[in-house]
Protein backbone atom coordinates (compact mmCIF):
# COMPACT_ATOMS: atom_id res chain seq x y z
CA UNK A 1 -2.21 20.29 -23.27
CA UNK A 2 -1.33 21.10 -19.84
CA UNK A 3 2.05 19.99 -17.59
CA UNK A 4 0.32 16.42 -16.26
CA UNK A 5 1.40 15.29 -12.77
CA UNK A 6 1.96 12.64 -10.95
CA UNK A 7 -0.89 11.11 -8.43
CA UNK A 8 1.70 11.74 -5.53
CA UNK A 9 2.18 15.25 -6.62
CA UNK A 10 -0.99 15.91 -6.18
CA UNK A 11 -1.83 13.57 -2.96
CA UNK A 12 1.39 15.35 -1.27
CA UNK A 13 -0.25 18.96 -1.87
CA UNK A 14 -3.87 18.00 -0.50
CA UNK A 15 -2.81 15.63 2.38
CA UNK A 16 -1.40 18.98 4.03
CA UNK A 17 -4.88 20.13 4.31
CA UNK A 18 -6.35 17.32 5.53
CA UNK A 19 -6.48 16.06 9.37
CA UNK A 20 -4.47 13.38 10.11
CA UNK A 21 -7.00 10.50 10.63
CA UNK A 22 -8.42 10.30 7.75
CA UNK A 23 -5.69 8.24 6.89
CA UNK A 24 -6.96 5.93 9.01
CA UNK A 25 -8.85 2.73 8.60
CA UNK A 26 -12.69 3.00 8.99
CA UNK A 27 -14.21 -0.54 10.71
CA UNK A 28 -17.55 1.25 11.00
CA UNK A 29 -17.70 0.64 7.54
CA UNK A 30 -18.67 -2.65 7.55
CA UNK A 31 -21.97 -2.28 9.30
CA UNK A 32 -23.29 -1.16 5.94
CA UNK A 33 -21.98 -4.42 4.82
CA UNK A 34 -23.33 -6.44 7.25
CA UNK A 35 -26.76 -5.01 6.15
CA UNK A 36 -26.21 -5.82 2.47
CA UNK A 37 -25.13 -9.12 3.74
CA UNK A 38 -28.49 -9.29 5.97
CA UNK A 39 -30.73 -8.49 2.69
CA UNK A 40 -28.85 -10.47 0.58
CA UNK A 41 -29.39 -13.83 2.47
CA UNK A 42 -33.17 -12.42 3.04
CA UNK A 43 -33.95 -12.10 -0.38
CA UNK A 44 -32.33 -15.35 -1.31
CA UNK A 45 -34.09 -17.45 1.47
CA UNK A 46 -37.48 -15.91 0.41
CA UNK A 47 -36.91 -17.03 -3.19
CA UNK A 48 -35.78 -20.40 -1.92
CA UNK A 49 -38.16 -21.02 0.79
CA UNK A 50 -41.62 -19.58 -0.89
CA UNK A 51 -43.48 -20.02 -3.85
CA UNK A 52 -44.89 -16.30 -4.90
CA UNK A 53 -45.99 -14.38 -7.76
CA UNK A 54 -43.05 -13.83 -10.59
CA UNK A 55 -43.57 -10.21 -9.63
CA UNK A 56 -42.25 -10.34 -6.45
CA UNK A 57 -39.32 -12.52 -7.36
CA UNK A 58 -38.41 -9.67 -9.94
CA UNK A 59 -38.84 -7.16 -6.97
CA UNK A 60 -36.40 -8.91 -4.80
CA UNK A 61 -34.10 -9.41 -7.60
CA UNK A 62 -33.76 -5.88 -8.10
CA UNK A 63 -32.84 -5.54 -4.44
CA UNK A 64 -30.60 -8.51 -4.69
CA UNK A 65 -28.71 -6.82 -7.81
CA UNK A 66 -28.30 -3.37 -5.82
CA UNK A 67 -26.83 -5.56 -2.81
CA UNK A 68 -24.97 -7.33 -4.75
CA UNK A 69 -23.30 -4.25 -6.60
CA UNK A 70 -23.37 -2.40 -2.84
CA UNK A 71 -21.24 -5.32 -1.33
CA UNK A 72 -18.95 -4.98 -4.41
CA UNK A 73 -18.20 -1.68 -3.77
CA UNK A 74 -17.29 -2.52 -0.12
CA UNK A 75 -14.89 -4.98 -0.90
CA UNK A 76 -12.96 -2.97 -3.51
CA UNK A 77 -12.70 -0.43 -0.35
CA UNK A 78 -12.23 -3.24 1.96
CA UNK A 79 -9.07 -4.54 -0.41
CA UNK A 80 -7.49 -1.10 -0.35
CA UNK A 81 -7.29 -1.40 3.18
CA UNK A 82 -9.00 1.72 4.10
CA UNK A 83 -11.51 -0.85 6.27
CA UNK A 84 -9.33 -3.13 8.30
CA UNK A 85 -5.47 -3.43 7.92
CA UNK A 86 -4.27 -7.12 9.11
CA UNK A 87 -4.42 -8.76 5.99
CA UNK A 88 -6.01 -12.21 6.38
CA UNK A 89 -9.05 -10.35 7.75
CA UNK A 90 -8.94 -7.72 5.18
CA UNK A 91 -8.85 -10.89 2.24
CA UNK A 92 -11.46 -12.91 3.84
CA UNK A 93 -13.82 -9.79 4.31
CA UNK A 94 -12.62 -8.72 0.98
CA UNK A 95 -13.56 -12.52 -0.73
CA UNK A 96 -17.42 -12.46 1.09
CA UNK A 97 -18.08 -9.33 -0.09
CA UNK A 98 -16.92 -10.00 -3.93
CA UNK A 99 -18.81 -13.41 -3.74
CA UNK A 100 -21.47 -12.93 -5.68
CA UNK A 101 -19.74 -11.28 -8.33
CA UNK A 102 -17.25 -14.29 -8.00
CA UNK A 103 -13.82 -12.14 -7.65
CA UNK A 104 -11.16 -13.60 -5.53
CA UNK A 105 -9.50 -11.18 -3.25
CA UNK A 106 -6.20 -12.01 -4.63
CA UNK A 107 -6.78 -11.70 -8.48
CA UNK A 108 -8.28 -8.43 -7.29
CA UNK A 109 -5.89 -6.65 -5.41
CA UNK A 110 -3.21 -7.67 -8.46
CA UNK A 111 -4.95 -6.60 -11.40
CA UNK A 112 -6.71 -3.61 -9.76
CA UNK A 113 -4.37 -2.08 -6.85
CA UNK A 114 -1.33 -3.13 -7.98
CA UNK A 115 -1.65 -2.58 -12.09
CA UNK A 116 -4.88 -0.31 -12.98
CA UNK A 117 -3.71 2.37 -10.07
CA UNK A 118 -0.35 2.25 -11.04
CA UNK A 119 -0.74 2.34 -14.81
CA UNK A 120 -4.24 4.44 -15.23
CA UNK A 121 -5.38 4.75 -18.71
CA UNK A 122 -1.79 3.91 -19.85
CA UNK A 123 -2.30 2.36 -23.39
CA UNK A 124 -0.36 -0.96 -22.90
CA UNK A 125 0.30 -1.45 -18.89
CA UNK A 126 -3.85 -0.28 -17.58
CA UNK A 127 -5.67 -3.46 -17.73
CA UNK A 128 -8.97 -1.45 -18.02
CA UNK A 129 -7.99 0.77 -20.55
CA UNK A 130 -9.72 0.74 -23.86
CA UNK A 131 -7.36 0.59 -27.45
CA UNK A 132 -5.97 2.48 -29.37
CA UNK A 133 -6.44 2.47 -33.44
CA UNK A 134 -3.11 1.03 -33.54
CA UNK A 135 -4.19 -1.87 -30.99
CA UNK A 136 -8.06 -2.16 -32.58
CA UNK A 137 -5.50 -2.87 -35.83
CA UNK A 138 -3.96 -6.02 -34.64
CA UNK A 139 -7.47 -8.28 -33.88
CA UNK A 140 -9.87 -9.10 -36.75
CA UNK A 141 -12.91 -9.22 -34.66
CA UNK A 142 -12.84 -6.12 -33.38
CA UNK A 143 -12.02 -4.36 -36.85
CA UNK A 144 -15.59 -5.93 -37.58
CA UNK A 145 -17.36 -4.72 -34.95
CA UNK A 146 -16.04 -1.14 -35.21
CA UNK A 147 -17.08 -1.35 -39.11
CA UNK A 148 -20.81 -0.97 -37.63
CA UNK A 149 -22.72 1.94 -36.83
CA UNK A 150 -21.77 4.20 -33.70
CA UNK A 151 -25.55 3.91 -32.10
CA UNK A 152 -25.81 0.50 -33.18
CA UNK A 153 -22.49 -0.24 -31.25
CA UNK A 154 -23.26 1.99 -28.43
CA UNK A 155 -26.43 -0.39 -27.45
CA UNK A 156 -24.91 -3.43 -27.84
CA UNK A 157 -22.08 -1.93 -25.82
CA UNK A 158 -24.57 -0.67 -23.34
CA UNK A 159 -26.48 -4.00 -23.14
CA UNK A 160 -23.14 -5.67 -22.42
CA UNK A 161 -22.80 -3.89 -19.05
CA UNK A 162 -25.04 -6.80 -17.99
CA UNK A 163 -22.02 -9.09 -18.10
CA UNK A 164 -19.09 -7.26 -18.61
CA UNK A 165 -17.53 -7.09 -15.20
CA UNK A 166 -18.35 -10.99 -14.29
CA UNK A 167 -16.80 -11.84 -18.11
CA UNK A 168 -13.62 -8.60 -17.79
CA UNK A 169 -13.21 -10.94 -13.99
CA UNK A 170 -12.83 -14.49 -16.11
CA UNK A 171 -10.54 -12.84 -18.22
CA UNK A 172 -8.36 -11.07 -16.21
CA UNK A 173 -7.86 -14.40 -13.80
CA UNK A 174 -6.43 -16.13 -17.23
CA UNK A 175 -4.29 -13.13 -17.90
CA UNK A 176 -2.98 -13.17 -14.77
CA UNK A 177 -2.91 -16.44 -13.04
CA UNK A 178 0.94 -17.32 -14.61
CA UNK A 179 2.04 -13.90 -12.85
CA UNK A 180 1.19 -15.47 -9.19
CA UNK A 181 4.21 -17.47 -7.88
CA UNK A 182 3.96 -21.23 -8.26
CA UNK A 183 2.76 -21.57 -4.36
CA UNK A 184 -0.06 -18.83 -4.34
CA UNK A 185 -1.86 -19.87 -7.58
CA UNK A 186 -3.89 -22.84 -6.16
CA UNK A 187 -5.70 -20.05 -3.65
CA UNK A 188 -6.29 -17.77 -6.47
CA UNK A 189 -7.73 -21.10 -8.37
CA UNK A 190 -9.91 -21.85 -5.49
CA UNK A 191 -11.21 -18.13 -4.85
CA UNK A 192 -12.31 -17.80 -8.11
CA UNK A 193 -14.17 -21.79 -7.88
CA UNK A 194 -15.43 -21.31 -4.64
CA UNK A 195 -18.14 -18.84 -5.36
CA UNK A 196 -19.22 -20.27 -8.94
CA UNK A 197 -19.37 -23.89 -7.31
CA UNK A 198 -21.97 -21.98 -4.33
CA UNK A 199 -23.72 -20.57 -7.56
CA UNK A 200 -23.85 -23.33 -9.42
CA UNK A 201 -24.90 -25.54 -6.51
CA UNK A 202 -27.82 -23.36 -5.76
CA UNK A 203 -28.86 -24.23 -8.95
CA UNK A 204 -28.86 -28.05 -8.73
CA UNK A 205 -31.27 -27.43 -5.55
CA UNK A 206 -33.91 -24.77 -6.43
CA UNK A 207 -33.72 -25.18 -9.78
CA UNK A 208 -33.13 -23.30 -13.25
CA UNK A 209 -36.85 -20.64 -12.82
CA UNK A 210 -35.81 -19.69 -8.93
CA UNK A 211 -32.24 -19.60 -10.01
CA UNK A 212 -33.03 -16.57 -12.53
CA UNK A 213 -34.35 -14.82 -9.72
CA UNK A 214 -32.15 -16.10 -7.11
CA UNK A 215 -28.70 -15.08 -8.93
CA UNK A 216 -28.81 -14.53 -12.93
CA UNK A 217 -30.88 -11.29 -12.85
CA UNK A 218 -29.30 -9.86 -9.87
CA UNK A 219 -25.66 -10.33 -11.11
CA UNK A 220 -27.04 -8.42 -14.52
CA UNK A 221 -28.36 -5.78 -12.77
CA UNK A 222 -24.92 -5.90 -10.57
CA UNK A 223 -22.80 -6.04 -13.65
CA UNK A 224 -24.82 -3.03 -14.91
CA UNK A 225 -24.70 -0.68 -12.00
CA UNK A 226 -21.00 -1.49 -11.03
CA UNK A 227 -19.84 -0.94 -15.11
CA UNK A 228 -22.35 2.30 -15.01
CA UNK A 229 -19.53 3.83 -12.94
CA UNK A 230 -16.74 2.17 -13.79
CA UNK A 231 -17.77 2.63 -17.93
CA UNK A 232 -17.27 6.79 -16.72
CA UNK A 233 -14.89 6.42 -14.56
CA UNK A 234 -12.17 6.72 -17.45
CA UNK A 235 -13.51 5.93 -20.50
CA UNK A 236 -14.21 9.77 -21.38
CA UNK A 237 -10.66 10.54 -20.46
CA UNK A 238 -7.48 10.47 -22.43
CA UNK A 239 -4.36 7.52 -22.51
CA UNK A 240 -1.96 9.52 -20.92
CA UNK A 241 1.71 8.53 -20.27
CA UNK A 242 2.02 9.89 -17.09
CA UNK A 243 -0.59 8.76 -13.81
CA UNK A 244 -2.14 11.90 -13.35
CA UNK A 245 -5.45 11.31 -11.94
CA UNK A 246 -6.91 14.89 -12.74
CA UNK A 247 -6.59 14.25 -16.50
CA UNK A 248 -7.76 10.46 -16.56
CA UNK A 249 -10.27 10.05 -14.17
CA UNK A 250 -13.69 11.48 -13.72
CA UNK A 251 -15.66 11.83 -10.63
CA UNK A 252 -19.90 11.03 -11.13
CA UNK A 253 -22.23 12.68 -9.28
CA UNK A 254 -25.24 11.12 -8.01
CA UNK A 255 -28.23 11.99 -5.47
CA UNK A 256 -26.43 11.47 -1.98
CA UNK A 257 -28.67 8.52 -0.96
CA UNK A 258 -27.19 6.82 -4.00
CA UNK A 259 -24.00 7.57 -2.98
CA UNK A 260 -24.85 6.67 0.91
CA UNK A 261 -25.90 3.13 -0.77
CA UNK A 262 -22.69 2.91 -3.13
CA UNK A 263 -20.28 3.47 -0.89
CA UNK A 264 -19.26 7.07 -2.41
CA UNK A 265 -17.90 4.94 -5.20
CA UNK A 266 -18.73 8.08 -7.45
CA UNK A 267 -15.66 9.92 -6.22
CA UNK A 268 -13.29 8.06 -8.56
CA UNK A 269 -11.02 11.31 -9.13
CA UNK A 270 -10.45 11.57 -5.36
CA UNK A 271 -10.21 7.50 -5.16
CA UNK A 272 -7.23 7.41 -7.81
CA UNK A 273 -5.18 10.49 -5.59
CA UNK A 274 -6.24 8.00 -2.14
CA UNK A 275 -7.01 5.14 -2.77
CA UNK A 276 -5.73 3.84 1.21
CA UNK A 277 -8.45 6.34 2.11
CA UNK A 278 -11.68 5.20 3.12
CA UNK A 279 -14.38 6.97 0.36
CA UNK A 280 -16.19 8.36 3.70
CA UNK A 281 -13.81 11.09 3.64
CA UNK A 282 -13.86 11.83 -0.73
CA UNK A 283 -16.11 14.41 -0.28
CA UNK A 284 -13.40 16.71 1.91
CA UNK A 285 -10.89 15.75 -0.79
CA UNK A 286 -12.91 16.87 -3.37
CA UNK A 287 -13.39 20.40 -2.32
CA UNK A 288 -10.02 20.69 -1.92
CA UNK A 289 -9.20 19.46 -5.44
CA UNK A 290 -11.81 21.77 -6.72
CA UNK A 291 -9.96 24.88 -4.70
CA UNK A 292 -6.39 24.18 -5.84
CA UNK A 293 -7.08 23.19 -9.30
CA UNK A 294 -10.82 23.60 -10.84
CA UNK A 295 -9.15 23.75 -14.17
CA UNK A 296 -8.20 20.57 -14.31
CA UNK A 297 -11.05 18.51 -12.38
CA UNK A 298 -13.80 16.57 -14.26
CA UNK A 299 -17.22 15.93 -12.83
CA UNK A 300 -20.31 15.40 -14.15
CA UNK A 301 -23.50 13.79 -13.85
CA UNK A 302 -23.69 9.82 -13.66
CA UNK A 303 -26.51 10.15 -16.54
CA UNK A 304 -24.55 12.83 -18.56
CA UNK A 305 -21.68 10.84 -18.87
CA UNK A 306 -23.24 7.78 -19.43
CA UNK A 307 -24.97 9.94 -22.12
CA UNK A 308 -21.61 11.06 -23.66
CA UNK A 309 -20.51 7.30 -23.76
CA UNK A 310 -23.71 6.43 -25.72
CA UNK A 311 -22.55 9.04 -28.38
CA UNK A 312 -18.96 9.16 -28.64
CA UNK A 313 -16.85 5.96 -29.50
CA UNK A 314 -14.50 4.27 -27.77
CA UNK A 315 -11.63 3.85 -29.74
CA UNK A 316 -8.45 6.08 -29.17
CA UNK A 317 -6.24 7.79 -32.01
CA UNK A 318 -3.24 9.31 -32.54
CA UNK A 319 -1.57 9.94 -29.12
CA UNK A 320 -4.83 8.80 -27.16
CA UNK A 321 -6.23 12.67 -26.76
CA UNK A 322 -8.96 12.15 -29.30
CA UNK A 323 -11.40 9.22 -29.98
CA UNK A 324 -12.11 8.03 -33.17
CA UNK A 325 -15.10 6.07 -34.92
CA UNK A 326 -12.66 4.30 -37.58
CA UNK A 327 -14.39 3.65 -40.71
CA UNK A 328 -16.70 7.25 -40.85
CA UNK A 329 -13.17 8.67 -39.75
CA UNK A 330 -14.90 11.08 -36.92
CA UNK A 331 -12.78 12.05 -34.70
CA UNK A 332 -14.03 13.64 -31.19
CA UNK A 333 -12.19 15.31 -28.28
CA UNK A 334 -11.72 13.77 -24.85
CA UNK A 335 -12.22 15.36 -21.61
CA UNK A 336 -9.60 17.87 -21.24
CA UNK A 337 -8.88 18.02 -25.39
CA UNK A 338 -12.14 19.86 -26.68
CA UNK A 339 -14.88 17.23 -25.70
CA UNK A 340 -18.04 19.43 -24.79
CA UNK A 341 -20.60 16.73 -23.08
CA UNK A 342 -23.45 19.68 -23.86
CA UNK A 343 -22.36 19.89 -27.14
CA UNK A 344 -20.28 17.03 -28.73
CA UNK A 345 -19.04 17.42 -31.94
CA UNK A 346 -16.41 15.69 -34.52
CA UNK A 347 -14.19 16.69 -37.14
CA UNK A 348 -14.51 14.54 -40.22
CA UNK A 349 -11.11 13.27 -41.66
CA UNK A 350 -10.47 13.54 -45.43
CA UNK A 351 -10.14 10.32 -46.27
CA UNK A 352 -11.42 8.11 -49.15
CA UNK A 353 -13.96 5.37 -48.61
CA UNK A 354 -14.33 4.12 -45.26
CA UNK A 355 -11.45 6.13 -43.81
CA UNK A 356 -9.38 3.52 -42.70
CA UNK A 357 -8.73 -0.04 -43.60
CA UNK A 358 -7.68 -1.77 -40.82
CA UNK A 359 -5.38 -4.93 -41.63
CA UNK A 360 -2.15 -6.71 -40.83
CA UNK A 361 -1.57 -4.50 -37.72
CA UNK A 362 -1.43 -1.29 -38.99
CA UNK A 363 -3.67 1.30 -40.16
CA UNK A 364 -3.52 2.25 -44.14
CA UNK A 365 -4.94 5.33 -45.44
CA UNK A 366 -6.92 4.82 -48.74
């Protein structure tokens, strides 16, 4: 296994090769956000005010779904401080950008900026990491789910991407609320409730049929787009004891026009090296990383990454460098540890029966 380095170790070396202006905020990114906001308002107004064929409503819903996702990507950038620096402006604009996804800026900064970025792919401390076999053994419903065949789990896992971001955000609210100071908790609660009040108010105003096209379908589409990226960001990478972005992160490649629509969200390894840098400059960062550490850097076309996710399990085995399908006992590599997306192989463990009996918080060989 290659020696792991912190994100600061890499960033300090790449920063020497970058022009100084790349670390300054880029307010011009807000023009893209304004376009998406206007598109969203126009789409919602069209559904509310006009009676049209459901097919036209569906077309508008797809446009709204992409706009909701893209506003979320910009909100992510804003709340890292790469667009504007003044805290109250940053939080206000971040709240507006995340409004369709109903995620509050204070919660996002605590959950994503402070914990996910600091503890990326740490088994215990990263709120977004997937479970190890040891963790799986403690949760009865997960032990039951992982008895299902891998293709069945993969189908429902991909189907669930349409709701995962929303559900995980609500879960993070429950997990983190108690960690905020008592004086800040009311604002965290308000930032969660206000978006939902507006969307439920919209339901009361326009009725369930139009609301389906104005909010529900767009939210499902936005969830899927956002989670297609988030799922490929780290889930093929190993768990690591050191926050090494070249080991624990994957950059996916998409057409340039998609990068333009999604604010370069595909450049994820670059983002973990420089979270305080506008994603506008990540292509430049990528060139330097690939020239300095080509053997460590992980990138993959988005479609290939999603196919690889479909064909591999989401439980970590042993020290976190391997993925395991527990009950058949099939062990797969992770990126940097034997996983070849072009020819996915697994090692069959020599275990009796269902391979692992997971009960009482520990694994037992049959």
